[in-house]
Amino acid sequence: LAAAGVELAVGDLDDPDSLEAAAVGVHGIFGVTPDGQD
């Protein structure tokens, strides 16, 4: 992804601080949540 020109933001959906940091300055968000038993 990085080689194709995608900017990387390290974090995950279980870390609210990383989500907020990744969302700073963006126009929009595409959201999808992984399916699972829980």
All heavy atoms as atom14 arrays in JSON, in Angstrom:
{
  "sequence": "LAAAGVELAVGDLDDPDSLEAAAVGVHGIFGVTPDGQD",
  "atom14_mask": [
    [1, 1, 1, 1, 1, 1, 1, 1, 0, 0, 0, 0, 0, 0],
    [1, 1, 1, 1, 1, 0, 0, 0, 0, 0, 0, 0, 0, 0],
    [1, 1, 1, 1, 1, 0, 0, 0, 0, 0, 0, 0, 0, 0],
    [1, 1, 1, 1, 1, 0, 0, 0, 0, 0, 0, 0, 0, 0],
    [1, 1, 1, 1, 0, 0, 0, 0, 0, 0, 0, 0, 0, 0],
    [1, 1, 1, 1, 1, 1, 1, 0, 0, 0, 0, 0, 0, 0],
    [1, 1, 1, 1, 1, 1, 1, 1, 1, 0, 0, 0, 0, 0],
    [1, 1, 1, 1, 1, 1, 1, 1, 0, 0, 0, 0, 0, 0],
    [1, 1, 1, 1, 1, 0, 0, 0, 0, 0, 0, 0, 0, 0],
    [1, 1, 1, 1, 1, 1, 1, 0, 0, 0, 0, 0, 0, 0],
    [1, 1, 1, 1, 0, 0, 0, 0, 0, 0, 0, 0, 0, 0],
    [1, 1, 1, 1, 1, 1, 1, 1, 0, 0, 0, 0, 0, 0],
    [1, 1, 1, 1, 1, 1, 1, 1, 0, 0, 0, 0, 0, 0],
    [1, 1, 1, 1, 1, 1, 1, 1, 0, 0, 0, 0, 0, 0],
    [1, 1, 1, 1, 1, 1, 1, 1, 0, 0, 0, 0, 0, 0],
    [1, 1, 1, 1, 1, 1, 1, 0, 0, 0, 0, 0, 0, 0],
    [1, 1, 1, 1, 1, 1, 1, 1, 0, 0, 0, 0, 0, 0],
    [1, 1, 1, 1, 1, 1, 0, 0, 0, 0, 0, 0, 0, 0],
    [1, 1, 1, 1, 1, 1, 1, 1, 0, 0, 0, 0, 0, 0],
    [1, 1, 1, 1, 1, 1, 1, 1, 1, 0, 0, 0, 0, 0],
    [1, 1, 1, 1, 1, 0, 0, 0, 0, 0, 0, 0, 0, 0],
    [1, 1, 1, 1, 1, 0, 0, 0, 0, 0, 0, 0, 0, 0],
    [1, 1, 1, 1, 1, 0, 0, 0, 0, 0, 0, 0, 0, 0],
    [1, 1, 1, 1, 1, 1, 1, 0, 0, 0, 0, 0, 0, 0],
    [1, 1, 1, 1, 0, 0, 0, 0, 0, 0, 0, 0, 0, 0],
    [1, 1, 1, 1, 1, 1, 1, 0, 0, 0, 0, 0, 0, 0],
    [1, 1, 1, 1, 1, 1, 1, 1, 1, 1, 0, 0, 0, 0],
    [1, 1, 1, 1, 0, 0, 0, 0, 0, 0, 0, 0, 0, 0],
    [1, 1, 1, 1, 1, 1, 1, 1, 0, 0, 0, 0, 0, 0],
    [1, 1, 1, 1, 1, 1, 1, 1, 1, 1, 1, 0, 0, 0],
    [1, 1, 1, 1, 0, 0, 0, 0, 0, 0, 0, 0, 0, 0],
    [1, 1, 1, 1, 1, 1, 1, 0, 0, 0, 0, 0, 0, 0],
    [1, 1, 1, 1, 1, 1, 1, 0, 0, 0, 0, 0, 0, 0],
    [1, 1, 1, 1, 1, 1, 1, 0, 0, 0, 0, 0, 0, 0],
    [1, 1, 1, 1, 1, 1, 1, 1, 0, 0, 0, 0, 0, 0],
    [1, 1, 1, 1, 0, 0, 0, 0, 0, 0, 0, 0, 0, 0],
    [1, 1, 1, 1, 1, 1, 1, 1, 1, 0, 0, 0, 0, 0],
    [1, 1, 1, 1, 1, 1, 1, 1, 0, 0, 0, 0, 0, 0]
  ],
  "atom14_positions": [
    [[0.83, -1.21, 0.0], [0.0, 0.0, 0.0], [0.86, 1.25, 0.0], [0.62, 2.19, -0.76], [-0.91, 0.01, 1.24], [-2.09, -0.95, 1.29], [-2.78, -0.84, 2.64], [-3.08, -0.66, 0.16], [0.0, 0.0, 0.0], [0.0, 0.0, 0.0], [0.0, 0.0, 0.0], [0.0, 0.0, 0.0], [0.0, 0.0, 0.0], [0.0, 0.0, 0.0]],
    [[1.87, 1.26, 0.88], [2.75, 2.43, 0.96], [3.46, 2.67, -0.36], [3.6, 3.82, -0.81], [3.76, 2.23, 2.09], [0.0, 0.0, 0.0], [0.0, 0.0, 0.0], [0.0, 0.0, 0.0], [0.0, 0.0, 0.0], [0.0, 0.0, 0.0], [0.0, 0.0, 0.0], [0.0, 0.0, 0.0], [0.0, 0.0, 0.0], [0.0, 0.0, 0.0]],
    [[3.9, 1.58, -1.01], [4.58, 1.72, -2.3], [3.66, 2.27, -3.37], [4.12, 2.91, -4.33], [5.13, 0.36, -2.73], [0.0, 0.0, 0.0], [0.0, 0.0, 0.0], [0.0, 0.0, 0.0], [0.0, 0.0, 0.0], [0.0, 0.0, 0.0], [0.0, 0.0, 0.0], [0.0, 0.0, 0.0], [0.0, 0.0, 0.0], [0.0, 0.0, 0.0]],
    [[2.35, 2.05, -3.2], [1.37, 2.57, -4.16], [0.95, 4.0, -3.86], [0.11, 4.56, -4.56], [0.14, 1.66, -4.18], [0.0, 0.0, 0.0], [0.0, 0.0, 0.0], [0.0, 0.0, 0.0], [0.0, 0.0, 0.0], [0.0, 0.0, 0.0], [0.0, 0.0, 0.0], [0.0, 0.0, 0.0], [0.0, 0.0, 0.0], [0.0, 0.0, 0.0]],
    [[1.52, 4.58, -2.8], [1.23, 5.97, -2.49], [0.22, 6.18, -1.39], [-0.24, 7.31, -1.18], [0.0, 0.0, 0.0], [0.0, 0.0, 0.0], [0.0, 0.0, 0.0], [0.0, 0.0, 0.0], [0.0, 0.0, 0.0], [0.0, 0.0, 0.0], [0.0, 0.0, 0.0], [0.0, 0.0, 0.0], [0.0, 0.0, 0.0], [0.0, 0.0, 0.0]],
    [[-0.14, 5.11, -0.67], [-1.09, 5.25, 0.43], [-0.34, 5.65, 1.7], [0.68, 5.06, 2.04], [-1.84, 3.9, 0.67], [-2.71, 3.98, 1.92], [-2.69, 3.56, -0.56], [0.0, 0.0, 0.0], [0.0, 0.0, 0.0], [0.0, 0.0, 0.0], [0.0, 0.0, 0.0], [0.0, 0.0, 0.0], [0.0, 0.0, 0.0], [0.0, 0.0, 0.0]],
    [[-0.85, 6.65, 2.38], [-0.28, 7.09, 3.65], [-0.7, 6.1, 4.74], [-1.85, 5.64, 4.77], [-0.8, 8.49, 3.99], [-0.3, 9.04, 5.31], [-0.98, 10.36, 5.68], [-1.71, 10.91, 4.82], [-0.79, 10.81, 6.82], [0.0, 0.0, 0.0], [0.0, 0.0, 0.0], [0.0, 0.0, 0.0], [0.0, 0.0, 0.0], [0.0, 0.0, 0.0]],
    [[0.21, 5.78, 5.64], [-0.08, 4.81, 6.7], [-0.26, 5.5, 8.04], [0.51, 6.4, 8.39], [1.06, 3.78, 6.81], [1.41, 3.01, 5.54], [2.54, 2.02, 5.84], [0.19, 2.29, 4.97], [0.0, 0.0, 0.0], [0.0, 0.0, 0.0], [0.0, 0.0, 0.0], [0.0, 0.0, 0.0], [0.0, 0.0, 0.0], [0.0, 0.0, 0.0]],
    [[-1.27, 5.07, 8.77], [-1.49, 5.51, 10.15], [-1.59, 4.26, 11.0], [-2.46, 3.43, 10.79], [-2.77, 6.33, 10.26], [0.0, 0.0, 0.0], [0.0, 0.0, 0.0], [0.0, 0.0, 0.0], [0.0, 0.0, 0.0], [0.0, 0.0, 0.0], [0.0, 0.0, 0.0], [0.0, 0.0, 0.0], [0.0, 0.0, 0.0], [0.0, 0.0, 0.0]],
    [[-0.68, 4.1, 11.94], [-0.64, 2.89, 12.75], [-1.64, 3.02, 13.9], [-1.65, 4.02, 14.63], [0.78, 2.63, 13.3], [0.78, 1.4, 14.22], [1.75, 2.43, 12.14], [0.0, 0.0, 0.0], [0.0, 0.0, 0.0], [0.0, 0.0, 0.0], [0.0, 0.0, 0.0], [0.0, 0.0, 0.0], [0.0, 0.0, 0.0], [0.0, 0.0, 0.0]],
    [[-2.48, 2.0, 14.05], [-3.49, 2.0, 15.11], [-4.49, 0.89, 14.85], [-4.31, 0.08, 13.94], [0.0, 0.0, 0.0], [0.0, 0.0, 0.0], [0.0, 0.0, 0.0], [0.0, 0.0, 0.0], [0.0, 0.0, 0.0], [0.0, 0.0, 0.0], [0.0, 0.0, 0.0], [0.0, 0.0, 0.0], [0.0, 0.0, 0.0], [0.0, 0.0, 0.0]],
    [[-5.55, 0.86, 15.63], [-6.59, -0.14, 15.4], [-7.88, 0.31, 16.06], [-7.92, 1.29, 16.81], [-6.16, -1.53, 15.88], [-5.88, -1.58, 17.36], [-6.81, -1.35, 18.16], [-4.72, -1.85, 17.74], [0.0, 0.0, 0.0], [0.0, 0.0, 0.0], [0.0, 0.0, 0.0], [0.0, 0.0, 0.0], [0.0, 0.0, 0.0], [0.0, 0.0, 0.0]],
    [[-8.94, -0.44, 15.78], [-10.28, -0.08, 16.24], [-10.47, -0.28, 17.74], [-11.48, 0.14, 18.3], [-11.32, -0.9, 15.49], [-11.47, -0.58, 13.99], [-12.38, -1.61, 13.31], [-12.03, 0.82, 13.78], [0.0, 0.0, 0.0], [0.0, 0.0, 0.0], [0.0, 0.0, 0.0], [0.0, 0.0, 0.0], [0.0, 0.0, 0.0], [0.0, 0.0, 0.0]],
    [[-9.5, -0.9, 18.4], [-9.57, -1.07, 19.85], [-8.83, 0.03, 20.61], [-8.79, 0.01, 21.83], [-9.0, -2.44, 20.25], [-9.82, -3.59, 19.69], [-11.06, -3.46, 19.67], [-9.23, -4.6, 19.27], [0.0, 0.0, 0.0], [0.0, 0.0, 0.0], [0.0, 0.0, 0.0], [0.0, 0.0, 0.0], [0.0, 0.0, 0.0], [0.0, 0.0, 0.0]],
    [[-8.25, 0.96, 19.88], [-7.46, 2.04, 20.48], [-8.05, 3.39, 20.06], [-7.71, 3.91, 18.99], [-6.0, 1.92, 20.03], [-5.1, 2.98, 20.64], [-5.62, 3.89, 21.33], [-3.88, 2.9, 20.43], [0.0, 0.0, 0.0], [0.0, 0.0, 0.0], [0.0, 0.0, 0.0], [0.0, 0.0, 0.0], [0.0, 0.0, 0.0], [0.0, 0.0, 0.0]],
    [[-8.95, 3.97, 20.86], [-9.6, 5.22, 20.47], [-8.62, 6.34, 20.18], [-8.84, 7.15, 19.27], [-10.48, 5.56, 21.68], [-10.72, 4.26, 22.37], [-9.46, 3.46, 22.16], [0.0, 0.0, 0.0], [0.0, 0.0, 0.0], [0.0, 0.0, 0.0], [0.0, 0.0, 0.0], [0.0, 0.0, 0.0], [0.0, 0.0, 0.0], [0.0, 0.0, 0.0]],
    [[-7.52, 6.42, 20.93], [-6.54, 7.49, 20.7], [-5.92, 7.37, 19.32], [-5.71, 8.39, 18.63], [-5.45, 7.46, 21.77], [-5.96, 7.87, 23.15], [-7.01, 8.55, 23.22], [-5.31, 7.53, 24.15], [0.0, 0.0, 0.0], [0.0, 0.0, 0.0], [0.0, 0.0, 0.0], [0.0, 0.0, 0.0], [0.0, 0.0, 0.0], [0.0, 0.0, 0.0]],
    [[-5.61, 6.13, 18.9], [-5.01, 5.96, 17.57], [-6.02, 6.29, 16.47], [-5.65, 6.83, 15.42], [-4.48, 4.53, 17.4], [-5.53, 3.59, 17.28], [0.0, 0.0, 0.0], [0.0, 0.0, 0.0], [0.0, 0.0, 0.0], [0.0, 0.0, 0.0], [0.0, 0.0, 0.0], [0.0, 0.0, 0.0], [0.0, 0.0, 0.0], [0.0, 0.0, 0.0]],
    [[-7.28, 6.0, 16.7], [-8.32, 6.36, 15.73], [-8.44, 7.86, 15.58], [-8.51, 8.38, 14.46], [-9.66, 5.77, 16.17], [-9.9, 4.29, 15.95], [-11.24, 3.89, 16.55], [-9.86, 3.93, 14.47], [0.0, 0.0, 0.0], [0.0, 0.0, 0.0], [0.0, 0.0, 0.0], [0.0, 0.0, 0.0], [0.0, 0.0, 0.0], [0.0, 0.0, 0.0]],
    [[-8.46, 8.55, 16.7], [-8.59, 10.01, 16.65], [-7.38, 10.63, 15.97], [-7.51, 11.57, 15.18], [-8.77, 10.57, 18.06], [-10.12, 10.24, 18.67], [-10.36, 10.95, 19.99], [-9.56, 11.84, 20.34], [-11.36, 10.62, 20.67], [0.0, 0.0, 0.0], [0.0, 0.0, 0.0], [0.0, 0.0, 0.0], [0.0, 0.0, 0.0], [0.0, 0.0, 0.0]],
    [[-6.18, 10.1, 16.25], [-4.98, 10.63, 15.62], [-5.01, 10.39, 14.11], [-4.63, 11.27, 13.31], [-3.73, 9.99, 16.23], [0.0, 0.0, 0.0], [0.0, 0.0, 0.0], [0.0, 0.0, 0.0], [0.0, 0.0, 0.0], [0.0, 0.0, 0.0], [0.0, 0.0, 0.0], [0.0, 0.0, 0.0], [0.0, 0.0, 0.0], [0.0, 0.0, 0.0]],
    [[-5.47, 9.21, 13.7], [-5.52, 8.89, 12.28], [-6.53, 9.74, 11.53], [-6.37, 10.0, 10.33], [-5.85, 7.41, 12.09], [0.0, 0.0, 0.0], [0.0, 0.0, 0.0], [0.0, 0.0, 0.0], [0.0, 0.0, 0.0], [0.0, 0.0, 0.0], [0.0, 0.0, 0.0], [0.0, 0.0, 0.0], [0.0, 0.0, 0.0], [0.0, 0.0, 0.0]],
    [[-7.57, 10.19, 12.23], [-8.65, 10.95, 11.58], [-8.37, 12.44, 11.48], [-9.13, 13.16, 10.82], [-9.96, 10.72, 12.33], [0.0, 0.0, 0.0], [0.0, 0.0, 0.0], [0.0, 0.0, 0.0], [0.0, 0.0, 0.0], [0.0, 0.0, 0.0], [0.0, 0.0, 0.0], [0.0, 0.0, 0.0], [0.0, 0.0, 0.0], [0.0, 0.0, 0.0]],
    [[-7.31, 12.9, 12.11], [-7.03, 14.34, 12.09], [-6.79, 14.81, 10.66], [-5.97, 14.26, 9.92], [-5.79, 14.66, 12.96], [-5.36, 16.11, 12.76], [-6.11, 14.41, 14.43], [0.0, 0.0, 0.0], [0.0, 0.0, 0.0], [0.0, 0.0, 0.0], [0.0, 0.0, 0.0], [0.0, 0.0, 0.0], [0.0, 0.0, 0.0], [0.0, 0.0, 0.0]],
    [[-7.53, 15.83, 10.25], [-7.31, 16.47, 8.96], [-7.9, 15.76, 7.76], [-7.7, 16.21, 6.63], [0.0, 0.0, 0.0], [0.0, 0.0, 0.0], [0.0, 0.0, 0.0], [0.0, 0.0, 0.0], [0.0, 0.0, 0.0], [0.0, 0.0, 0.0], [0.0, 0.0, 0.0], [0.0, 0.0, 0.0], [0.0, 0.0, 0.0], [0.0, 0.0, 0.0]],
    [[-8.64, 14.65, 7.95], [-9.18, 13.95, 6.79], [-10.53, 14.55, 6.38], [-11.25, 15.11, 7.2], [-9.33, 12.44, 7.03], [-7.99, 11.81, 7.4], [-10.38, 12.13, 8.09], [0.0, 0.0, 0.0], [0.0, 0.0, 0.0], [0.0, 0.0, 0.0], [0.0, 0.0, 0.0], [0.0, 0.0, 0.0], [0.0, 0.0, 0.0], [0.0, 0.0, 0.0]],
    [[-10.83, 14.42, 5.12], [-12.12, 14.87, 4.59], [-13.22, 13.88, 4.94], [-14.35, 14.26, 5.29], [-12.01, 15.03, 3.07], [-13.31, 15.3, 2.38], [-13.84, 16.56, 2.27], [-14.2, 14.45, 1.76], [-14.99, 16.5, 1.6], [-15.23, 15.24, 1.29], [0.0, 0.0, 0.0], [0.0, 0.0, 0.0], [0.0, 0.0, 0.0], [0.0, 0.0, 0.0]],
    [[-12.89, 12.59, 4.83], [-13.89, 11.56, 5.07], [-13.26, 10.29, 5.6], [-12.04, 10.13, 5.63], [0.0, 0.0, 0.0], [0.0, 0.0, 0.0], [0.0, 0.0, 0.0], [0.0, 0.0, 0.0], [0.0, 0.0, 0.0], [0.0, 0.0, 0.0], [0.0, 0.0, 0.0], [0.0, 0.0, 0.0], [0.0, 0.0, 0.0], [0.0, 0.0, 0.0]],
    [[-14.12, 9.37, 6.02], [-13.69, 8.07, 6.53], [-14.53, 6.99, 5.88], [-15.76, 7.11, 5.8], [-13.84, 7.98, 8.06], [-12.88, 8.95, 8.77], [-13.58, 6.55, 8.56], [-13.03, 8.96, 10.28], [0.0, 0.0, 0.0], [0.0, 0.0, 0.0], [0.0, 0.0, 0.0], [0.0, 0.0, 0.0], [0.0, 0.0, 0.0], [0.0, 0.0, 0.0]],
    [[-13.84, 5.93, 5.4], [-14.54, 4.72, 5.0], [-14.4, 3.73, 6.14], [-13.29, 3.32, 6.51], [-13.96, 4.12, 3.72], [-14.56, 2.76, 3.4], [-15.82, 2.68, 2.83], [-13.88, 1.59, 3.69], [-16.39, 1.44, 2.55], [-14.44, 0.35, 3.41], [-15.7, 0.28, 2.84], [0.0, 0.0, 0.0], [0.0, 0.0, 0.0], [0.0, 0.0, 0.0]],
    [[-15.54, 3.32, 6.7], [-15.52, 2.44, 7.86], [-16.07, 1.07, 7.56], [-17.11, 0.93, 6.9], [0.0, 0.0, 0.0], [0.0, 0.0, 0.0], [0.0, 0.0, 0.0], [0.0, 0.0, 0.0], [0.0, 0.0, 0.0], [0.0, 0.0, 0.0], [0.0, 0.0, 0.0], [0.0, 0.0, 0.0], [0.0, 0.0, 0.0], [0.0, 0.0, 0.0]],
    [[-15.38, 0.06, 8.04], [-15.87, -1.31, 7.98], [-15.38, -2.01, 9.24], [-14.26, -1.76, 9.69], [-15.38, -2.04, 6.71], [-13.86, -2.12, 6.64], [-16.0, -3.43, 6.6], [0.0, 0.0, 0.0], [0.0, 0.0, 0.0], [0.0, 0.0, 0.0], [0.0, 0.0, 0.0], [0.0, 0.0, 0.0], [0.0, 0.0, 0.0], [0.0, 0.0, 0.0]],
    [[-16.22, -2.8, 9.86], [-15.84, -3.5, 11.08], [-15.7, -4.99, 10.78], [-16.54, -5.56, 10.08], [-16.9, -3.31, 12.18], [-18.2, -3.63, 11.66], [-16.9, -1.87, 12.67], [0.0, 0.0, 0.0], [0.0, 0.0, 0.0], [0.0, 0.0, 0.0], [0.0, 0.0, 0.0], [0.0, 0.0, 0.0], [0.0, 0.0, 0.0], [0.0, 0.0, 0.0]],
    [[-14.65, -5.62, 11.27], [-14.45, -7.05, 10.98], [-15.53, -7.9, 11.61], [-15.92, -7.69, 12.76], [-13.07, -7.34, 11.57], [-12.84, -6.27, 12.59], [-13.57, -5.06, 12.11], [0.0, 0.0, 0.0], [0.0, 0.0, 0.0], [0.0, 0.0, 0.0], [0.0, 0.0, 0.0], [0.0, 0.0, 0.0], [0.0, 0.0, 0.0], [0.0, 0.0, 0.0]],
    [[-16.01, -8.87, 10.84], [-16.98, -9.83, 11.38], [-16.27, -10.78, 12.33], [-15.07, -11.05, 12.19], [-17.62, -10.64, 10.25], [-18.44, -9.78, 9.31], [-18.99, -8.76, 9.78], [-18.54, -10.12, 8.12], [0.0, 0.0, 0.0], [0.0, 0.0, 0.0], [0.0, 0.0, 0.0], [0.0, 0.0, 0.0], [0.0, 0.0, 0.0], [0.0, 0.0, 0.0]],
    [[-17.0, -11.29, 13.28], [-16.42, -12.24, 14.23], [-17.48, -12.79, 15.15], [-18.66, -12.42, 15.07], [0.0, 0.0, 0.0], [0.0, 0.0, 0.0], [0.0, 0.0, 0.0], [0.0, 0.0, 0.0], [0.0, 0.0, 0.0], [0.0, 0.0, 0.0], [0.0, 0.0, 0.0], [0.0, 0.0, 0.0], [0.0, 0.0, 0.0], [0.0, 0.0, 0.0]],
    [[-17.07, -13.67, 16.04], [-18.01, -14.28, 16.97], [-18.44, -13.3, 18.05], [-19.55, -13.38, 18.57], [-17.38, -15.51, 17.61], [-17.07, -16.63, 16.63], [-18.31, -17.18, 15.96], [-19.34, -17.4, 16.6], [-18.23, -17.38, 14.65], [0.0, 0.0, 0.0], [0.0, 0.0, 0.0], [0.0, 0.0, 0.0], [0.0, 0.0, 0.0], [0.0, 0.0, 0.0]],
    [[-17.57, -12.37, 18.42], [-17.86, -11.42, 19.49], [-18.56, -10.21, 18.9], [-17.92, -9.23, 18.5], [-16.57, -11.02, 20.2], [-16.82, -10.24, 21.49], [-17.92, -9.66, 21.62], [-15.92, -10.2, 22.35], [0.0, 0.0, 0.0], [0.0, 0.0, 0.0], [0.0, 0.0, 0.0], [0.0, 0.0, 0.0], [0.0, 0.0, 0.0], [0.0, 0.0, 0.0]]
  ]
}
